[in-house]
Amino acid sequence: MSGKKIYYLKNLEDPKPLGILDLSQCLEVKIADEEVGSLNSFAICILGRTYYCRAENPQEQEEWMNAILVVKNNVKNSLFYFILF
């Protein structure tokens, strides 16, 4: 994760990302264990598309979700600030 974006790769050796998730457009982050059928899964919902991710353990799942929510809330708050002033 870098700033407001998450870059995803096919594997760690790839020099170029397959795509980029723009967290400024994030609508929701939620646990997705049942949807995916795998423990420690979470969903990142971004304008018209949902990305499913899986962490190694529950602690890592929580850390990822919290980090994404912090970015999402900071973007939301900065847009609110921008609109008011």
C-alpha atoms as a PDB file:
ATOM      1  CA  MET A   1       0.000   0.000   0.000  1.00  0.00           C
ATOM      2  CA  SER A   2       1.319   3.412  -0.920  1.00  0.00           C
ATOM      3  CA  GLY A   3      -0.536   6.561   0.059  1.00  0.00           C
ATOM      4  CA  LYS A   4      -4.123   6.131  -1.132  1.00  0.00           C
ATOM      5  CA  LYS A   5      -3.411   3.226  -3.487  1.00  0.00           C
ATOM      6  CA  ILE A   6      -2.859  -0.518  -3.277  1.00  0.00           C
ATOM      7  CA  TYR A   7      -0.836  -2.072  -6.076  1.00  0.00           C
ATOM      8  CA  TYR A   8      -1.434  -5.744  -6.761  1.00  0.00           C
ATOM      9  CA  LEU A   9       0.923  -8.147  -8.491  1.00  0.00           C
ATOM     10  CA  LYS A  10       0.754 -11.638  -9.951  1.00  0.00           C
ATOM     11  CA  ASN A  11       3.839 -12.450  -7.867  1.00  0.00           C
ATOM     12  CA  LEU A  12       6.478 -10.522  -5.946  1.00  0.00           C
ATOM     13  CA  GLU A  13       9.038 -10.751  -8.770  1.00  0.00           C
ATOM     14  CA  ASP A  14       6.847  -8.875 -11.263  1.00  0.00           C
ATOM     15  CA  PRO A  15       8.234  -5.386 -11.891  1.00  0.00           C
ATOM     16  CA  LYS A  16       4.873  -4.048 -13.057  1.00  0.00           C
ATOM     17  CA  PRO A  17       1.591  -4.252 -11.096  1.00  0.00           C
ATOM     18  CA  LEU A  18      -1.453  -5.983 -12.607  1.00  0.00           C
ATOM     19  CA  GLY A  19      -3.571  -3.151 -11.303  1.00  0.00           C
ATOM     20  CA  ILE A  20      -4.110  -0.431  -8.750  1.00  0.00           C
ATOM     21  CA  LEU A  21      -6.890   0.003  -6.193  1.00  0.00           C
ATOM     22  CA  ASP A  22      -7.627   3.674  -5.613  1.00  0.00           C
ATOM     23  CA  LEU A  23      -8.707   3.850  -1.969  1.00  0.00           C
ATOM     24  CA  SER A  24     -10.094   7.347  -2.450  1.00  0.00           C
ATOM     25  CA  GLN A  25     -12.977   5.535  -4.189  1.00  0.00           C
ATOM     26  CA  CYS A  26     -13.392   2.890  -1.470  1.00  0.00           C
ATOM     27  CA  LEU A  27     -16.991   2.448  -0.363  1.00  0.00           C
ATOM     28  CA  GLU A  28     -16.576  -0.361   2.157  1.00  0.00           C
ATOM     29  CA  VAL A  29     -14.131  -2.821   3.696  1.00  0.00           C
ATOM     30  CA  LYS A  30     -15.635  -5.926   5.258  1.00  0.00           C
ATOM     31  CA  ILE A  31     -14.859  -9.439   6.431  1.00  0.00           C
ATOM     32  CA  ALA A  32     -15.542 -11.875   3.595  1.00  0.00           C
ATOM     33  CA  ASP A  33     -14.746 -15.301   5.090  1.00  0.00           C
ATOM     34  CA  GLU A  34     -18.153 -16.738   4.195  1.00  0.00           C
ATOM     35  CA  GLU A  35     -18.320 -15.141   0.742  1.00  0.00           C
ATOM     36  CA  VAL A  36     -14.892 -16.451  -0.225  1.00  0.00           C
ATOM     37  CA  GLY A  37     -15.025 -19.698   1.754  1.00  0.00           C
ATOM     38  CA  SER A  38     -11.656 -19.032   3.348  1.00  0.00           C
ATOM     39  CA  LEU A  39     -10.638 -17.755   6.766  1.00  0.00           C
ATOM     40  CA  ASN A  40      -9.004 -14.319   7.150  1.00  0.00           C
ATOM     41  CA  SER A  41     -10.573 -12.985   3.957  1.00  0.00           C
ATOM     42  CA  PHE A  42     -11.797  -9.451   3.455  1.00  0.00           C
ATOM     43  CA  ALA A  43     -13.443  -7.474   0.697  1.00  0.00           C
ATOM     44  CA  ILE A  44     -12.543  -4.013  -0.564  1.00  0.00           C
ATOM     45  CA  CYS A  45     -15.542  -2.487  -2.372  1.00  0.00           C
ATOM     46  CA  ILE A  46     -14.572   0.222  -4.850  1.00  0.00           C
ATOM     47  CA  LEU A  47     -17.109   1.892  -7.163  1.00  0.00           C
ATOM     48  CA  GLY A  48     -18.611  -0.978  -9.122  1.00  0.00           C
ATOM     49  CA  ARG A  49     -16.130  -3.706  -8.205  1.00  0.00           C
ATOM     50  CA  THR A  50     -15.250  -5.793  -5.171  1.00  0.00           C
ATOM     51  CA  TYR A  51     -11.722  -7.085  -4.600  1.00  0.00           C
ATOM     52  CA  TYR A  52     -11.269 -10.094  -2.326  1.00  0.00           C
ATOM     53  CA  CYS A  53      -8.097 -10.500  -0.317  1.00  0.00           C
ATOM     54  CA  ARG A  54      -6.823 -13.039   2.169  1.00  0.00           C
ATOM     55  CA  ALA A  55      -4.454 -12.493   5.063  1.00  0.00           C
ATOM     56  CA  GLU A  56      -2.201 -15.081   6.703  1.00  0.00           C
ATOM     57  CA  ASN A  57      -3.957 -14.829  10.070  1.00  0.00           C
ATOM     58  CA  PRO A  58      -6.735 -12.912  11.881  1.00  0.00           C
ATOM     59  CA  GLN A  59      -4.304 -10.291  13.205  1.00  0.00           C
ATOM     60  CA  GLU A  60      -3.017  -9.502   9.708  1.00  0.00           C
ATOM     61  CA  GLN A  61      -6.606  -9.389   8.422  1.00  0.00           C
ATOM     62  CA  GLU A  62      -7.482  -6.818  11.081  1.00  0.00           C
ATOM     63  CA  GLU A  63      -4.322  -4.781  10.385  1.00  0.00           C
ATOM     64  CA  TRP A  64      -5.069  -4.595   6.646  1.00  0.00           C
ATOM     65  CA  MET A  65      -8.700  -3.689   7.179  1.00  0.00           C
ATOM     66  CA  ASN A  66      -7.830  -1.013   9.748  1.00  0.00           C
ATOM     67  CA  ALA A  67      -5.137   0.494   7.502  1.00  0.00           C
ATOM     68  CA  ILE A  68      -7.578   0.680   4.584  1.00  0.00           C
ATOM     69  CA  LEU A  69     -10.276   2.208   6.789  1.00  0.00           C
ATOM     70  CA  VAL A  70      -7.840   4.880   8.015  1.00  0.00           C
ATOM     71  CA  VAL A  71      -7.089   5.894   4.425  1.00  0.00           C
ATOM     72  CA  LYS A  72     -10.792   5.760   3.500  1.00  0.00           C
ATOM     73  CA  ASN A  73     -11.772   7.934   6.468  1.00  0.00           C
ATOM     74  CA  ASN A  74      -8.936  10.409   5.862  1.00  0.00           C
ATOM     75  CA  VAL A  75     -10.036  10.832   2.251  1.00  0.00           C
ATOM     76  CA  LYS A  76     -13.661  11.249   3.355  1.00  0.00           C
ATOM     77  CA  ASN A  77     -12.678  13.835   5.987  1.00  0.00           C
ATOM     78  CA  SER A  78     -10.455  15.786   3.588  1.00  0.00           C
ATOM     79  CA  LEU A  79     -13.248  15.903   0.988  1.00  0.00           C
ATOM     80  CA  PHE A  80     -15.660  17.112   3.653  1.00  0.00           C
ATOM     81  CA  TYR A  81     -13.147  19.767   4.706  1.00  0.00           C
ATOM     82  CA  PHE A  82     -12.649  20.820   1.101  1.00  0.00           C
ATOM     83  CA  ILE A  83     -16.379  21.177   0.511  1.00  0.00           C
ATOM     84  CA  LEU A  84     -16.941  23.252   3.640  1.00  0.00           C
ATOM     85  CA  PHE A  85     -14.248  25.824   2.984  1.00  0.00           C
END
